[in-house]
Amino acid sequence: MAARSKKSDFEMGPGTQRAYQHDARRQRDGTITIFDNGAHPKVHDQSRGIVVELDEEKMSARQLREYTSPKKPLATSQGNMQRRLTRTRRPSDDSPT
């Protein structure tokens, strides 16, 4: 998944478009978590974490969840999305717990 990619082998569903993503990780359940910077130059109103499900037979991707912060952080260069033991996720370390 390239930054601001306009071409993908997968048909990208609503919410799966991203800009300058980091830290894409395949999870045990087969989903992919991605930190989407959305900035530099600004593409989104804020950075976010997304969970994407891939259908490798249909070659499609759909967003299952989006995680944002009320503080609306916009990361210009770095960030990640981590699973927490409490089963909650934060799009950045600056986000409230």
N, C-alpha and C. Protein backbone atom coordinates (compact mmCIF):
# COMPACT_ATOMS: atom_id res chain seq x y z
N MET A 1 0.84 -1.18 0.00
CA MET A 1 0.00 0.00 0.00
C MET A 1 0.89 1.24 0.00
N ALA A 2 0.97 1.88 -1.09
CA ALA A 2 1.83 3.05 -1.21
C ALA A 2 1.11 4.31 -0.75
N ALA A 3 1.90 5.28 -0.29
CA ALA A 3 1.32 6.55 0.14
C ALA A 3 0.58 7.21 -1.01
N ARG A 4 -0.63 7.64 -0.74
CA ARG A 4 -1.47 8.32 -1.73
C ARG A 4 -1.55 7.54 -3.03
N SER A 5 -1.58 6.25 -2.92
CA SER A 5 -1.63 5.39 -4.09
C SER A 5 -2.93 5.60 -4.84
N LYS A 6 -2.84 5.73 -6.14
CA LYS A 6 -4.03 5.86 -6.96
C LYS A 6 -4.35 4.54 -7.64
N LYS A 7 -3.44 3.60 -7.56
CA LYS A 7 -3.65 2.31 -8.19
C LYS A 7 -3.41 1.22 -7.16
N SER A 8 -4.32 0.27 -7.10
CA SER A 8 -4.21 -0.84 -6.16
C SER A 8 -4.70 -2.09 -6.86
N ASP A 9 -4.19 -3.23 -6.44
CA ASP A 9 -4.70 -4.49 -6.94
C ASP A 9 -6.09 -4.77 -6.38
N PHE A 10 -6.45 -4.09 -5.28
CA PHE A 10 -7.73 -4.27 -4.62
C PHE A 10 -8.68 -3.13 -4.96
N GLU A 11 -9.96 -3.44 -5.05
CA GLU A 11 -10.99 -2.42 -5.17
C GLU A 11 -11.18 -1.85 -3.77
N MET A 12 -10.82 -0.59 -3.59
CA MET A 12 -10.82 0.02 -2.27
C MET A 12 -12.20 0.60 -1.95
N GLY A 13 -12.83 0.11 -0.89
CA GLY A 13 -14.15 0.55 -0.48
C GLY A 13 -14.11 1.89 0.25
N PRO A 14 -15.30 2.43 0.58
CA PRO A 14 -15.39 3.71 1.29
C PRO A 14 -14.58 3.69 2.60
N GLY A 15 -13.84 4.76 2.82
CA GLY A 15 -13.08 4.89 4.05
C GLY A 15 -11.72 4.24 4.03
N THR A 16 -11.41 3.48 2.98
CA THR A 16 -10.11 2.80 2.95
C THR A 16 -9.04 3.65 2.28
N GLN A 17 -9.42 4.74 1.64
CA GLN A 17 -8.42 5.61 1.04
C GLN A 17 -7.62 6.26 2.15
N ARG A 18 -6.32 6.32 1.96
CA ARG A 18 -5.46 6.84 3.01
C ARG A 18 -4.36 7.68 2.39
N ALA A 19 -3.71 8.46 3.24
CA ALA A 19 -2.63 9.33 2.77
C ALA A 19 -1.45 9.22 3.72
N TYR A 20 -0.33 8.82 3.19
CA TYR A 20 0.92 8.76 3.95
C TYR A 20 0.79 7.85 5.18
N GLN A 21 0.27 6.65 4.93
CA GLN A 21 0.03 5.71 6.03
C GLN A 21 1.33 5.16 6.60
N HIS A 22 1.22 4.68 7.84
CA HIS A 22 2.34 4.05 8.54
C HIS A 22 1.82 2.81 9.25
N ASP A 23 2.70 1.94 9.54
CA ASP A 23 2.45 0.88 10.50
C ASP A 23 1.30 -0.04 10.10
N ALA A 24 1.23 -0.42 8.83
CA ALA A 24 0.20 -1.39 8.41
C ALA A 24 0.60 -2.76 8.96
N ARG A 25 -0.33 -3.38 9.68
CA ARG A 25 -0.04 -4.68 10.31
C ARG A 25 -1.19 -5.64 10.11
N ARG A 26 -0.86 -6.86 9.71
CA ARG A 26 -1.87 -7.92 9.61
C ARG A 26 -2.12 -8.44 11.02
N GLN A 27 -3.39 -8.52 11.40
CA GLN A 27 -3.76 -8.98 12.73
C GLN A 27 -4.12 -10.47 12.70
N ARG A 28 -4.21 -11.08 13.86
CA ARG A 28 -4.52 -12.51 13.96
C ARG A 28 -5.82 -12.88 13.27
N ASP A 29 -6.80 -11.94 13.30
CA ASP A 29 -8.09 -12.22 12.69
C ASP A 29 -8.10 -11.98 11.18
N GLY A 30 -6.93 -11.63 10.61
CA GLY A 30 -6.82 -11.43 9.17
C GLY A 30 -7.01 -9.99 8.72
N THR A 31 -7.51 -9.13 9.60
CA THR A 31 -7.69 -7.73 9.25
C THR A 31 -6.33 -7.03 9.22
N ILE A 32 -6.31 -5.83 8.69
CA ILE A 32 -5.10 -5.02 8.67
C ILE A 32 -5.40 -3.72 9.39
N THR A 33 -4.54 -3.35 10.35
CA THR A 33 -4.67 -2.06 11.02
C THR A 33 -3.65 -1.11 10.39
N ILE A 34 -4.08 0.14 10.20
CA ILE A 34 -3.24 1.13 9.53
C ILE A 34 -3.36 2.46 10.25
N PHE A 35 -2.22 3.12 10.47
CA PHE A 35 -2.23 4.50 10.94
C PHE A 35 -2.17 5.37 9.69
N ASP A 36 -3.15 6.22 9.51
CA ASP A 36 -3.25 7.10 8.35
C ASP A 36 -2.92 8.52 8.78
N ASN A 37 -1.72 8.99 8.42
CA ASN A 37 -1.30 10.35 8.78
C ASN A 37 -2.30 11.39 8.28
N GLY A 38 -2.63 11.30 7.00
CA GLY A 38 -3.55 12.26 6.40
C GLY A 38 -2.97 13.64 6.20
N ALA A 39 -1.66 13.77 6.30
CA ALA A 39 -1.06 15.11 6.27
C ALA A 39 0.28 15.14 5.57
N HIS A 40 0.70 16.34 5.28
CA HIS A 40 2.00 16.73 4.73
C HIS A 40 2.14 16.36 3.26
N PRO A 41 1.45 17.00 2.36
CA PRO A 41 0.48 18.07 2.62
C PRO A 41 -0.83 17.50 3.16
N LYS A 42 -1.62 18.36 3.75
CA LYS A 42 -2.86 17.96 4.40
C LYS A 42 -3.83 17.36 3.38
N VAL A 43 -4.30 16.14 3.69
CA VAL A 43 -5.27 15.45 2.85
C VAL A 43 -6.57 15.22 3.62
N HIS A 44 -6.44 14.93 4.92
CA HIS A 44 -7.61 14.70 5.79
C HIS A 44 -7.62 15.77 6.90
N ASP A 45 -8.75 15.89 7.60
CA ASP A 45 -8.86 16.84 8.71
C ASP A 45 -8.03 16.41 9.92
N GLN A 46 -7.80 15.10 10.06
CA GLN A 46 -7.01 14.60 11.18
C GLN A 46 -6.43 13.24 10.84
N SER A 47 -5.43 12.85 11.60
CA SER A 47 -4.88 11.50 11.47
C SER A 47 -5.88 10.52 12.08
N ARG A 48 -5.77 9.26 11.69
CA ARG A 48 -6.74 8.27 12.18
C ARG A 48 -6.14 6.89 12.13
N GLY A 49 -6.76 6.00 12.83
CA GLY A 49 -6.43 4.59 12.73
C GLY A 49 -7.60 3.91 12.03
N ILE A 50 -7.32 2.97 11.14
CA ILE A 50 -8.40 2.24 10.48
C ILE A 50 -8.12 0.75 10.55
N VAL A 51 -9.20 -0.02 10.53
CA VAL A 51 -9.13 -1.47 10.45
C VAL A 51 -9.77 -1.84 9.12
N VAL A 52 -9.02 -2.57 8.30
CA VAL A 52 -9.47 -2.92 6.96
C VAL A 52 -9.55 -4.44 6.83
N GLU A 53 -10.62 -4.89 6.17
CA GLU A 53 -10.78 -6.31 5.88
C GLU A 53 -10.54 -6.51 4.39
N LEU A 54 -9.67 -7.45 4.06
CA LEU A 54 -9.40 -7.77 2.66
C LEU A 54 -10.14 -9.04 2.27
N ASP A 55 -10.76 -9.00 1.10
CA ASP A 55 -11.34 -10.20 0.49
C ASP A 55 -10.43 -10.54 -0.68
N GLU A 56 -9.56 -11.52 -0.47
CA GLU A 56 -8.56 -11.83 -1.48
C GLU A 56 -9.14 -12.55 -2.69
N GLU A 57 -10.31 -13.15 -2.56
CA GLU A 57 -10.96 -13.77 -3.72
C GLU A 57 -11.59 -12.72 -4.61
N LYS A 58 -12.29 -11.76 -4.01
CA LYS A 58 -12.94 -10.68 -4.77
C LYS A 58 -11.99 -9.51 -5.03
N MET A 59 -10.80 -9.57 -4.41
CA MET A 59 -9.81 -8.50 -4.54
C MET A 59 -10.42 -7.15 -4.13
N SER A 60 -11.05 -7.15 -2.96
CA SER A 60 -11.67 -5.92 -2.45
C SER A 60 -11.25 -5.67 -1.01
N ALA A 61 -11.32 -4.42 -0.61
CA ALA A 61 -10.99 -4.01 0.76
C ALA A 61 -12.13 -3.17 1.28
N ARG A 62 -12.50 -3.39 2.54
CA ARG A 62 -13.52 -2.55 3.15
C ARG A 62 -13.11 -2.16 4.56
N GLN A 63 -13.47 -0.95 4.92
CA GLN A 63 -13.16 -0.44 6.25
C GLN A 63 -14.15 -1.02 7.25
N LEU A 64 -13.62 -1.60 8.32
CA LEU A 64 -14.48 -2.12 9.39
C LEU A 64 -14.64 -1.10 10.50
N ARG A 65 -13.55 -0.36 10.80
CA ARG A 65 -13.58 0.62 11.89
C ARG A 65 -12.66 1.78 11.56
N GLU A 66 -12.99 2.91 12.15
CA GLU A 66 -12.14 4.10 12.08
C GLU A 66 -11.99 4.64 13.49
N TYR A 67 -10.76 4.96 13.87
CA TYR A 67 -10.50 5.51 15.19
C TYR A 67 -9.92 6.91 15.04
N THR A 68 -10.59 7.87 15.64
CA THR A 68 -10.13 9.26 15.62
C THR A 68 -10.10 9.79 17.04
N SER A 69 -9.59 10.98 17.19
CA SER A 69 -9.51 11.62 18.50
C SER A 69 -10.28 12.93 18.47
N PRO A 70 -10.97 13.27 19.57
CA PRO A 70 -11.66 14.57 19.63
C PRO A 70 -10.69 15.74 19.54
N LYS A 71 -9.40 15.49 19.83
CA LYS A 71 -8.39 16.55 19.74
C LYS A 71 -7.97 16.80 18.29
N LYS A 72 -8.35 15.93 17.37
CA LYS A 72 -8.05 16.04 15.95
C LYS A 72 -6.56 16.24 15.65
N PRO A 73 -5.69 15.35 16.16
CA PRO A 73 -4.27 15.48 15.84
C PRO A 73 -4.03 15.23 14.36
N LEU A 74 -3.04 15.89 13.82
CA LEU A 74 -2.66 15.71 12.43
C LEU A 74 -1.16 15.48 12.38
N ALA A 75 -0.76 14.22 12.25
CA ALA A 75 0.66 13.85 12.25
C ALA A 75 1.25 14.13 10.87
N THR A 76 2.35 14.84 10.84
CA THR A 76 2.97 15.16 9.55
C THR A 76 4.06 14.20 9.15
N SER A 77 4.56 13.37 10.08
CA SER A 77 5.64 12.48 9.67
C SER A 77 5.62 11.10 10.31
N GLN A 78 5.10 10.93 11.51
CA GLN A 78 5.20 9.63 12.16
C GLN A 78 3.96 9.33 12.98
N GLY A 79 3.73 8.06 13.20
CA GLY A 79 2.62 7.64 14.03
C GLY A 79 2.43 6.14 13.93
N ASN A 80 1.59 5.61 14.78
CA ASN A 80 1.26 4.19 14.67
C ASN A 80 -0.09 3.94 15.32
N MET A 81 -0.58 2.74 15.10
CA MET A 81 -1.83 2.30 15.70
C MET A 81 -1.52 1.00 16.43
N GLN A 82 -1.90 0.92 17.70
CA GLN A 82 -1.58 -0.26 18.49
C GLN A 82 -2.84 -0.84 19.11
N ARG A 83 -2.88 -2.15 19.15
CA ARG A 83 -3.94 -2.82 19.90
C ARG A 83 -3.57 -2.76 21.38
N ARG A 84 -4.55 -2.50 22.20
CA ARG A 84 -4.34 -2.44 23.66
C ARG A 84 -4.96 -3.66 24.31
N LEU A 85 -4.46 -4.02 25.47
CA LEU A 85 -5.00 -5.16 26.20
C LEU A 85 -6.47 -4.95 26.55
N THR A 86 -6.89 -3.69 26.64
CA THR A 86 -8.29 -3.38 26.97
C THR A 86 -9.20 -3.47 25.75
N ARG A 87 -8.62 -3.84 24.63
CA ARG A 87 -9.34 -3.94 23.35
C ARG A 87 -9.72 -2.58 22.78
N THR A 88 -9.11 -1.51 23.25
CA THR A 88 -9.33 -0.20 22.65
C THR A 88 -8.09 0.17 21.85
N ARG A 89 -8.26 1.04 20.89
CA ARG A 89 -7.14 1.47 20.06
C ARG A 89 -7.11 2.98 20.03
N ARG A 90 -5.91 3.53 19.91
CA ARG A 90 -5.76 4.99 19.78
C ARG A 90 -4.97 5.29 18.52
N PRO A 91 -5.37 6.30 17.76
CA PRO A 91 -4.63 6.61 16.55
C PRO A 91 -3.28 7.28 16.79
N SER A 92 -3.03 7.81 17.98
CA SER A 92 -1.72 8.38 18.26
C SER A 92 -1.49 8.44 19.76
N ASP A 93 -0.26 8.58 20.15
CA ASP A 93 0.06 8.67 21.57
C ASP A 93 -0.48 9.95 22.19
N ASP A 94 -0.81 10.95 21.38
CA ASP A 94 -1.35 12.20 21.91
C ASP A 94 -2.84 12.11 22.25
N SER A 95 -3.47 11.02 21.85
CA SER A 95 -4.90 10.87 22.05
C SER A 95 -5.22 10.55 23.52
N PRO A 96 -6.39 10.97 23.97
CA PRO A 96 -6.77 10.64 25.35
C PRO A 96 -7.01 9.16 25.51
N THR A 97 -6.81 8.66 26.70
CA THR A 97 -7.00 7.22 26.97
C THR A 97 -8.47 6.89 27.03
